[in-house]
Amino acid sequence: MKIDVAFRAADVTQELVQGRIAVVIDVLRATTMIASLLSAGAREVWPVKEVEEARRLAARLDGALLAGERGGLPPPGFDMGNSPRDIDPARVAGAPVVITTTNGTAAIERAAGADALVTAAFVNAGAVARSLLESGARQLIIICAGTRGAFSLDDALCAGHLIARLQKAHAGVELTDSALAARLLYEGQRDDLLSALLECAHGKVLQSLGLREDIELALSVDSIDLIPVRTWRDGRGVLQAAAPEAGLATAP
């Protein structure tokens, strides 16, 4: 398995993801939220880039809920924001959820050309690692969403955490320099990840909005044992829950 890392979604091209399995990470908070929605019983999660696009799609899907944020807060009329604490399992169970966020859903869109795509966060890193090993993945690109086009420490640390787990489990892992950098960064911070996330730019924004608890929840390592796997419907990518042993859906 050869692992590469793109530290910003802005660096992702179709050529970069072609022929690879893509793992998209937006720890604060989109990929944490996606895993949490599916864990709460959402039938599927539809990631879209723009707010109005999300509203239009939700209007076409029977019983759909709207989730997401702009500036860290839910857009007007949305059913929930981008916080796992907003999820009402009784309402979410069995429903499709359309989600749009500033960084994470745009990163998923940029990786559309990958052979297969999953999303990862600290909360489901163990499940994602097992899935990738089960799939026999040979070419892996980990895409850090970043923050408004810039490098984001939280995503890079999660990428490093995932890489460390894959290397520990599989002797044949080969790292590019960017993947090695992510692993080394994680290894330098793994004993106090909370402090790192509180000090990073995105963490400071969330704290300013009174959302420190979301940062702590995002560090609930392996609290969710599923992987959001992209499938295709009507030409759109949609994320559905899969067990780590279930394999990965490939591009059409």
C-alpha atoms as a PDB file:
ATOM      1  CA  MET A   1       0.000   0.000   0.000  1.00  0.00           C
ATOM      2  CA  LYS A   2       1.385   3.376  -1.040  1.00  0.00           C
ATOM      3  CA  ILE A   3      -0.016   6.351   0.875  1.00  0.00           C
ATOM      4  CA  ASP A   4       0.071   9.971  -0.208  1.00  0.00           C
ATOM      5  CA  VAL A   5      -1.406  13.008   1.584  1.00  0.00           C
ATOM      6  CA  ALA A   6      -2.817  16.232   0.171  1.00  0.00           C
ATOM      7  CA  PHE A   7      -2.752  18.774   3.001  1.00  0.00           C
ATOM      8  CA  ARG A   8      -5.294  21.079   1.320  1.00  0.00           C
ATOM      9  CA  ALA A   9      -8.350  20.245  -0.729  1.00  0.00           C
ATOM     10  CA  ALA A  10      -7.327  23.093  -3.027  1.00  0.00           C
ATOM     11  CA  ASP A  11      -4.383  20.948  -4.175  1.00  0.00           C
ATOM     12  CA  VAL A  12      -6.576  18.046  -5.274  1.00  0.00           C
ATOM     13  CA  THR A  13      -7.014  17.432  -8.992  1.00  0.00           C
ATOM     14  CA  GLN A  14      -8.783  14.655 -10.853  1.00  0.00           C
ATOM     15  CA  GLU A  15      -5.375  13.419 -12.000  1.00  0.00           C
ATOM     16  CA  LEU A  16      -4.245  13.147  -8.385  1.00  0.00           C
ATOM     17  CA  VAL A  17      -7.168  10.957  -7.283  1.00  0.00           C
ATOM     18  CA  GLN A  18      -7.595   8.861 -10.430  1.00  0.00           C
ATOM     19  CA  GLY A  19      -6.829   5.190  -9.806  1.00  0.00           C
ATOM     20  CA  ARG A  20      -6.709   5.710  -6.032  1.00  0.00           C
ATOM     21  CA  ILE A  21      -8.883   5.231  -2.997  1.00  0.00           C
ATOM     22  CA  ALA A  22      -9.529   8.637  -1.432  1.00  0.00           C
ATOM     23  CA  VAL A  23      -9.935   9.187   2.291  1.00  0.00           C
ATOM     24  CA  VAL A  24     -11.343  12.651   3.011  1.00  0.00           C
ATOM     25  CA  ILE A  25     -10.739  14.147   6.462  1.00  0.00           C
ATOM     26  CA  ASP A  26     -12.346  17.224   7.992  1.00  0.00           C
ATOM     27  CA  VAL A  27     -12.087  16.621  11.732  1.00  0.00           C
ATOM     28  CA  LEU A  28     -13.607  19.983  12.747  1.00  0.00           C
ATOM     29  CA  ARG A  29     -16.216  19.028  11.833  1.00  0.00           C
ATOM     30  CA  ALA A  30     -17.734  17.629   8.631  1.00  0.00           C
ATOM     31  CA  THR A  31     -16.351  14.086   8.614  1.00  0.00           C
ATOM     32  CA  THR A  32     -16.944  13.771  12.351  1.00  0.00           C
ATOM     33  CA  MET A  33     -20.545  14.872  11.730  1.00  0.00           C
ATOM     34  CA  ILE A  34     -21.043  12.505   8.782  1.00  0.00           C
ATOM     35  CA  ALA A  35     -19.915   9.503  10.807  1.00  0.00           C
ATOM     36  CA  SER A  36     -22.126  10.635  13.696  1.00  0.00           C
ATOM     37  CA  LEU A  37     -25.194  11.028  11.468  1.00  0.00           C
ATOM     38  CA  LEU A  38     -24.806   7.538  10.046  1.00  0.00           C
ATOM     39  CA  SER A  39     -24.156   6.125  13.504  1.00  0.00           C
ATOM     40  CA  ALA A  40     -27.411   7.744  14.663  1.00  0.00           C
ATOM     41  CA  GLY A  41     -29.274   5.858  11.939  1.00  0.00           C
ATOM     42  CA  ALA A  42     -29.418   8.282   9.021  1.00  0.00           C
ATOM     43  CA  ARG A  43     -30.293   6.329   5.891  1.00  0.00           C
ATOM     44  CA  GLU A  44     -27.661   8.186   3.879  1.00  0.00           C
ATOM     45  CA  VAL A  45     -25.768  11.468   3.810  1.00  0.00           C
ATOM     46  CA  TRP A  46     -25.644  13.616   0.683  1.00  0.00           C
ATOM     47  CA  PRO A  47     -22.625  15.982   0.758  1.00  0.00           C
ATOM     48  CA  VAL A  48     -23.010  19.095  -1.392  1.00  0.00           C
ATOM     49  CA  LYS A  49     -20.850  22.160  -1.815  1.00  0.00           C
ATOM     50  CA  GLU A  50     -23.282  25.096  -1.711  1.00  0.00           C
ATOM     51  CA  VAL A  51     -26.125  26.089   0.625  1.00  0.00           C
ATOM     52  CA  GLU A  52     -28.708  26.680  -2.103  1.00  0.00           C
ATOM     53  CA  GLU A  53     -27.770  23.415  -3.794  1.00  0.00           C
ATOM     54  CA  ALA A  54     -28.366  21.684  -0.455  1.00  0.00           C
ATOM     55  CA  ARG A  55     -31.808  23.271  -0.129  1.00  0.00           C
ATOM     56  CA  ARG A  56     -32.800  22.231  -3.651  1.00  0.00           C
ATOM     57  CA  LEU A  57     -31.639  18.657  -3.182  1.00  0.00           C
ATOM     58  CA  ALA A  58     -33.361  18.295   0.196  1.00  0.00           C
ATOM     59  CA  ALA A  59     -36.612  19.495  -1.356  1.00  0.00           C
ATOM     60  CA  ARG A  60     -36.437  16.634  -3.858  1.00  0.00           C
ATOM     61  CA  LEU A  61     -35.675  13.893  -1.328  1.00  0.00           C
ATOM     62  CA  ASP A  62     -38.587  12.527   0.641  1.00  0.00           C
ATOM     63  CA  GLY A  63     -38.211  13.314   4.348  1.00  0.00           C
ATOM     64  CA  ALA A  64     -34.738  14.823   3.977  1.00  0.00           C
ATOM     65  CA  LEU A  65     -33.108  16.841   6.733  1.00  0.00           C
ATOM     66  CA  LEU A  66     -30.636  19.679   6.218  1.00  0.00           C
ATOM     67  CA  ALA A  67     -27.377  19.855   8.158  1.00  0.00           C
ATOM     68  CA  GLY A  68     -24.314  22.042   7.883  1.00  0.00           C
ATOM     69  CA  GLU A  69     -22.711  25.370   8.553  1.00  0.00           C
ATOM     70  CA  ARG A  70     -21.389  28.610   7.243  1.00  0.00           C
ATOM     71  CA  GLY A  71     -19.068  30.498   9.550  1.00  0.00           C
ATOM     72  CA  GLY A  72     -19.430  27.598  11.981  1.00  0.00           C
ATOM     73  CA  LEU A  73     -23.181  28.112  12.462  1.00  0.00           C
ATOM     74  CA  PRO A  74     -26.236  26.545  10.763  1.00  0.00           C
ATOM     75  CA  PRO A  75     -27.642  28.470   7.791  1.00  0.00           C
ATOM     76  CA  PRO A  76     -31.195  29.823   8.207  1.00  0.00           C
ATOM     77  CA  GLY A  77     -33.856  27.150   7.981  1.00  0.00           C
ATOM     78  CA  PHE A  78     -31.511  24.193   8.467  1.00  0.00           C
ATOM     79  CA  ASP A  79     -32.610  21.362  10.741  1.00  0.00           C
ATOM     80  CA  MET A  80     -29.223  21.162  12.445  1.00  0.00           C
ATOM     81  CA  GLY A  81     -25.753  22.585  12.304  1.00  0.00           C
ATOM     82  CA  ASN A  82     -22.472  20.752  11.861  1.00  0.00           C
ATOM     83  CA  SER A  83     -22.254  19.541  15.460  1.00  0.00           C
ATOM     84  CA  PRO A  84     -22.851  15.943  16.541  1.00  0.00           C
ATOM     85  CA  ARG A  85     -24.572  17.463  19.579  1.00  0.00           C
ATOM     86  CA  ASP A  86     -27.327  18.735  17.252  1.00  0.00           C
ATOM     87  CA  ILE A  87     -28.308  15.231  16.177  1.00  0.00           C
ATOM     88  CA  ASP A  88     -31.667  13.950  17.409  1.00  0.00           C
ATOM     89  CA  PRO A  89     -31.514  10.181  16.762  1.00  0.00           C
ATOM     90  CA  ALA A  90     -35.303   9.893  16.842  1.00  0.00           C
ATOM     91  CA  ARG A  91     -35.561  12.386  13.994  1.00  0.00           C
ATOM     92  CA  VAL A  92     -32.513  11.273  12.027  1.00  0.00           C
ATOM     93  CA  ALA A  93     -33.149   7.530  12.068  1.00  0.00           C
ATOM     94  CA  GLY A  94     -34.116   6.335   8.594  1.00  0.00           C
ATOM     95  CA  ALA A  95     -33.947   9.810   7.039  1.00  0.00           C
ATOM     96  CA  PRO A  96     -31.696  11.077   4.257  1.00  0.00           C
ATOM     97  CA  VAL A  97     -29.548  14.007   5.378  1.00  0.00           C
ATOM     98  CA  VAL A  98     -28.164  16.637   3.024  1.00  0.00           C
ATOM     99  CA  ILE A  99     -25.066  18.320   4.422  1.00  0.00           C
ATOM    100  CA  THR A 100     -23.074  21.340   3.264  1.00  0.00           C
ATOM    101  CA  THR A 101     -20.053  22.799   5.046  1.00  0.00           C
ATOM    102  CA  THR A 102     -17.399  25.381   4.329  1.00  0.00           C
ATOM    103  CA  ASN A 103     -14.542  22.930   3.830  1.00  0.00           C
ATOM    104  CA  GLY A 104     -15.381  19.255   4.131  1.00  0.00           C
ATOM    105  CA  THR A 105     -18.104  18.807   1.541  1.00  0.00           C
ATOM    106  CA  ALA A 106     -16.092  20.809  -0.979  1.00  0.00           C
ATOM    107  CA  ALA A 107     -13.160  18.432  -0.389  1.00  0.00           C
ATOM    108  CA  ILE A 108     -15.414  15.430  -1.016  1.00  0.00           C
ATOM    109  CA  GLU A 109     -16.537  17.005  -4.286  1.00  0.00           C
ATOM    110  CA  ARG A 110     -12.959  17.611  -5.421  1.00  0.00           C
ATOM    111  CA  ALA A 111     -12.197  13.916  -4.875  1.00  0.00           C
ATOM    112  CA  ALA A 112     -15.134  12.742  -6.997  1.00  0.00           C
ATOM    113  CA  GLY A 113     -12.892  11.050  -9.562  1.00  0.00           C
ATOM    114  CA  ALA A 114     -11.339   8.622  -7.073  1.00  0.00           C
ATOM    115  CA  ASP A 115     -11.935   4.919  -7.649  1.00  0.00           C
ATOM    116  CA  ALA A 116     -13.517   4.742  -4.196  1.00  0.00           C
ATOM    117  CA  LEU A 117     -14.057   7.288  -1.450  1.00  0.00           C
ATOM    118  CA  VAL A 118     -14.545   7.099   2.297  1.00  0.00           C
ATOM    119  CA  THR A 119     -14.560   9.772   4.964  1.00  0.00           C
ATOM    120  CA  ALA A 120     -12.562   9.562   8.167  1.00  0.00           C
ATOM    121  CA  ALA A 121     -12.145  11.332  11.477  1.00  0.00           C
ATOM    122  CA  PHE A 122     -10.704  10.372  14.836  1.00  0.00           C
ATOM    123  CA  VAL A 123     -14.107   8.984  15.823  1.00  0.00           C
ATOM    124  CA  ASN A 124     -13.997   6.233  13.173  1.00  0.00           C
ATOM    125  CA  ALA A 125     -10.289   5.995  12.358  1.00  0.00           C
ATOM    126  CA  GLY A 126     -10.024   2.392  13.517  1.00  0.00           C
ATOM    127  CA  ALA A 127     -12.936   1.305  11.335  1.00  0.00           C
ATOM    128  CA  VAL A 128     -11.478   3.122   8.323  1.00  0.00           C
ATOM    129  CA  ALA A 129      -8.055   1.539   8.860  1.00  0.00           C
ATOM    130  CA  ARG A 130      -9.569  -1.955   9.032  1.00  0.00           C
ATOM    131  CA  SER A 131     -11.627  -1.316   5.917  1.00  0.00           C
ATOM    132  CA  LEU A 132      -8.630  -0.155   3.911  1.00  0.00           C
ATOM    133  CA  LEU A 133      -6.621  -3.192   4.974  1.00  0.00           C
ATOM    134  CA  GLU A 134      -9.530  -5.526   4.158  1.00  0.00           C
ATOM    135  CA  SER A 135      -9.923  -3.962   0.727  1.00  0.00           C
ATOM    136  CA  GLY A 136      -6.307  -4.649  -0.208  1.00  0.00           C
ATOM    137  CA  ALA A 137      -5.912  -1.007  -1.240  1.00  0.00           C
ATOM    138  CA  ARG A 138      -2.714  -0.382  -3.179  1.00  0.00           C
ATOM    139  CA  GLN A 139      -2.883   3.364  -3.891  1.00  0.00           C
ATOM    140  CA  LEU A 140      -4.303   5.598  -1.177  1.00  0.00           C
ATOM    141  CA  ILE A 141      -4.662   9.383  -1.148  1.00  0.00           C
ATOM    142  CA  ILE A 142      -5.617  11.012   2.146  1.00  0.00           C
ATOM    143  CA  ILE A 143      -7.183  14.401   1.535  1.00  0.00           C
ATOM    144  CA  CYS A 144      -7.164  16.951   4.341  1.00  0.00           C
ATOM    145  CA  ALA A 145      -9.960  19.441   3.789  1.00  0.00           C
ATOM    146  CA  GLY A 146      -8.040  22.324   5.346  1.00  0.00           C
ATOM    147  CA  THR A 147      -9.643  25.603   6.339  1.00  0.00           C
ATOM    148  CA  ARG A 148     -10.682  28.059   3.637  1.00  0.00           C
ATOM    149  CA  GLY A 149      -7.915  26.879   1.347  1.00  0.00           C
ATOM    150  CA  ALA A 150      -5.209  26.813   4.022  1.00  0.00           C
ATOM    151  CA  PHE A 151      -3.435  23.993   5.860  1.00  0.00           C
ATOM    152  CA  SER A 152      -5.356  22.846   8.936  1.00  0.00           C
ATOM    153  CA  LEU A 153      -3.501  21.177  11.797  1.00  0.00           C
ATOM    154  CA  ASP A 154      -6.468  19.117  13.003  1.00  0.00           C
ATOM    155  CA  ASP A 155      -6.862  17.350   9.668  1.00  0.00           C
ATOM    156  CA  ALA A 156      -3.133  16.702   9.316  1.00  0.00           C
ATOM    157  CA  LEU A 157      -2.991  15.167  12.799  1.00  0.00           C
ATOM    158  CA  CYS A 158      -5.857  12.831  11.961  1.00  0.00           C
ATOM    159  CA  ALA A 159      -4.158  11.839   8.704  1.00  0.00           C
ATOM    160  CA  GLY A 160      -1.018  11.047  10.673  1.00  0.00           C
ATOM    161  CA  HIS A 161      -3.020   9.022  13.193  1.00  0.00           C
ATOM    162  CA  LEU A 162      -4.555   6.937  10.409  1.00  0.00           C
ATOM    163  CA  ILE A 163      -1.191   6.420   8.715  1.00  0.00           C
ATOM    164  CA  ALA A 164       0.414   5.298  11.978  1.00  0.00           C
ATOM    165  CA  ARG A 165      -2.324   2.717  12.443  1.00  0.00           C
ATOM    166  CA  LEU A 166      -1.984   1.415   8.903  1.00  0.00           C
ATOM    167  CA  GLN A 167       1.790   1.112   9.216  1.00  0.00           C
ATOM    168  CA  LYS A 168       1.482  -0.723  12.517  1.00  0.00           C
ATOM    169  CA  ALA A 169      -0.940  -3.239  11.003  1.00  0.00           C
ATOM    170  CA  HIS A 170       0.702  -3.746   7.603  1.00  0.00           C
ATOM    171  CA  ALA A 171       4.417  -4.088   6.956  1.00  0.00           C
ATOM    172  CA  GLY A 172       4.086  -3.234   3.276  1.00  0.00           C
ATOM    173  CA  VAL A 173       3.030   0.412   3.702  1.00  0.00           C
ATOM    174  CA  GLU A 174       5.063   2.899   1.653  1.00  0.00           C
ATOM    175  CA  LEU A 175       4.812   6.622   2.436  1.00  0.00           C
ATOM    176  CA  THR A 176       5.382   9.669   0.298  1.00  0.00           C
ATOM    177  CA  ASP A 177       7.144  12.560   2.023  1.00  0.00           C
ATOM    178  CA  SER A 178       3.821  14.254   2.735  1.00  0.00           C
ATOM    179  CA  ALA A 179       2.454  11.087   4.341  1.00  0.00           C
ATOM    180  CA  LEU A 180       5.632  10.722   6.397  1.00  0.00           C
ATOM    181  CA  ALA A 181       5.318  14.364   7.481  1.00  0.00           C
ATOM    182  CA  ALA A 182       1.748  13.757   8.653  1.00  0.00           C
ATOM    183  CA  ARG A 183       2.785  10.705  10.657  1.00  0.00           C
ATOM    184  CA  LEU A 184       5.717  12.504  12.278  1.00  0.00           C
ATOM    185  CA  LEU A 185       3.497  15.465  13.124  1.00  0.00           C
ATOM    186  CA  TYR A 186       0.986  13.167  14.786  1.00  0.00           C
ATOM    187  CA  GLU A 187       3.671  11.291  16.703  1.00  0.00           C
ATOM    188  CA  GLY A 188       4.916  14.572  18.136  1.00  0.00           C
ATOM    189  CA  GLN A 189       1.449  15.530  19.401  1.00  0.00           C
ATOM    190  CA  ARG A 190      -0.324  12.252  20.151  1.00  0.00           C
ATOM    191  CA  ASP A 191       0.037  12.549  23.924  1.00  0.00           C
ATOM    192  CA  ASP A 192      -1.905  15.830  23.995  1.00  0.00           C
ATOM    193  CA  LEU A 193      -4.069  16.073  20.898  1.00  0.00           C
ATOM    194  CA  LEU A 194      -6.658  18.189  22.675  1.00  0.00           C
ATOM    195  CA  SER A 195      -4.174  20.985  23.318  1.00  0.00           C
ATOM    196  CA  ALA A 196      -3.137  20.922  19.667  1.00  0.00           C
ATOM    197  CA  LEU A 197      -6.729  21.166  18.457  1.00  0.00           C
ATOM    198  CA  LEU A 198      -7.542  23.932  20.911  1.00  0.00           C
ATOM    199  CA  GLU A 199      -4.546  25.949  19.724  1.00  0.00           C
ATOM    200  CA  CYS A 200      -5.058  25.506  15.981  1.00  0.00           C
ATOM    201  CA  ALA A 201      -6.830  28.213  14.003  1.00  0.00           C
ATOM    202  CA  HIS A 202     -10.008  26.221  13.400  1.00  0.00           C
ATOM    203  CA  GLY A 203     -10.158  25.183  17.034  1.00  0.00           C
ATOM    204  CA  LYS A 204      -9.948  28.805  18.121  1.00  0.00           C
ATOM    205  CA  VAL A 205     -12.842  29.740  15.824  1.00  0.00           C
ATOM    206  CA  LEU A 206     -15.035  27.016  17.306  1.00  0.00           C
ATOM    207  CA  GLN A 207     -14.159  28.099  20.831  1.00  0.00           C
ATOM    208  CA  SER A 208     -15.090  31.679  19.994  1.00  0.00           C
ATOM    209  CA  LEU A 209     -18.542  30.367  18.995  1.00  0.00           C
ATOM    210  CA  GLY A 210     -18.946  28.470  22.256  1.00  0.00           C
ATOM    211  CA  LEU A 211     -18.319  25.122  20.563  1.00  0.00           C
ATOM    212  CA  ARG A 212     -15.342  23.803  22.549  1.00  0.00           C
ATOM    213  CA  GLU A 213     -17.310  20.638  23.350  1.00  0.00           C
ATOM    214  CA  ASP A 214     -17.373  19.813  19.636  1.00  0.00           C
ATOM    215  CA  ILE A 215     -13.564  19.726  19.669  1.00  0.00           C
ATOM    216  CA  GLU A 216     -13.579  17.320  22.588  1.00  0.00           C
ATOM    217  CA  LEU A 217     -16.178  15.118  20.874  1.00  0.00           C
ATOM    218  CA  ALA A 218     -14.072  15.071  17.711  1.00  0.00           C
ATOM    219  CA  LEU A 219     -11.289  13.421  19.725  1.00  0.00           C
ATOM    220  CA  SER A 220     -13.458  10.493  20.864  1.00  0.00           C
ATOM    221  CA  VAL A 221     -11.154   8.052  19.087  1.00  0.00           C
ATOM    222  CA  ASP A 222     -12.873   4.902  17.749  1.00  0.00           C
ATOM    223  CA  SER A 223     -16.227   5.785  19.287  1.00  0.00           C
ATOM    224  CA  ILE A 224     -17.949   4.924  15.966  1.00  0.00           C
ATOM    225  CA  ASP A 225     -17.434   1.560  14.283  1.00  0.00           C
ATOM    226  CA  LEU A 226     -18.511   2.259  10.716  1.00  0.00           C
ATOM    227  CA  ILE A 227     -17.204   3.819   7.548  1.00  0.00           C
ATOM    228  CA  PRO A 228     -19.085   6.295   5.371  1.00  0.00           C
ATOM    229  CA  VAL A 229     -18.608   4.872   1.877  1.00  0.00           C
ATOM    230  CA  ARG A 230     -19.490   6.736  -1.301  1.00  0.00           C
ATOM    231  CA  THR A 231     -21.948   5.101  -3.635  1.00  0.00           C
ATOM    232  CA  TRP A 232     -23.528   6.671  -6.719  1.00  0.00           C
ATOM    233  CA  ARG A 233     -27.117   7.639  -7.380  1.00  0.00           C
ATOM    234  CA  ASP A 234     -28.309   9.670 -10.359  1.00  0.00           C
ATOM    235  CA  GLY A 235     -24.747  10.803 -10.963  1.00  0.00           C
ATOM    236  CA  ARG A 236     -24.287  12.064  -7.394  1.00  0.00           C
ATOM    237  CA  GLY A 237     -22.065  10.702  -4.701  1.00  0.00           C
ATOM    238  CA  VAL A 238     -23.941   9.690  -1.560  1.00  0.00           C
ATOM    239  CA  LEU A 239     -22.415   8.369   1.663  1.00  0.00           C
ATOM    240  CA  GLN A 240     -23.811   5.282   3.310  1.00  0.00           C
ATOM    241  CA  ALA A 241     -22.726   3.373   6.388  1.00  0.00           C
ATOM    242  CA  ALA A 242     -20.744   0.175   5.893  1.00  0.00           C
ATOM    243  CA  ALA A 243     -19.090  -2.219   8.273  1.00  0.00           C
ATOM    244  CA  PRO A 244     -15.288  -2.145   8.086  1.00  0.00           C
ATOM    245  CA  GLU A 245     -15.262  -5.659   6.614  1.00  0.00           C
ATOM    246  CA  ALA A 246     -17.807  -4.876   3.876  1.00  0.00           C
ATOM    247  CA  GLY A 247     -15.383  -3.591   1.232  1.00  0.00           C
ATOM    248  CA  LEU A 248     -15.476  -0.382  -0.777  1.00  0.00           C
ATOM    249  CA  ALA A 249     -17.750   0.713  -3.611  1.00  0.00           C
ATOM    250  CA  THR A 250     -15.783   1.723  -6.697  1.00  0.00           C
ATOM    251  CA  ALA A 251     -16.351   4.418  -9.256  1.00  0.00           C
ATOM    252  CA  PRO A 252     -18.877   3.738 -12.027  1.00  0.00           C
END
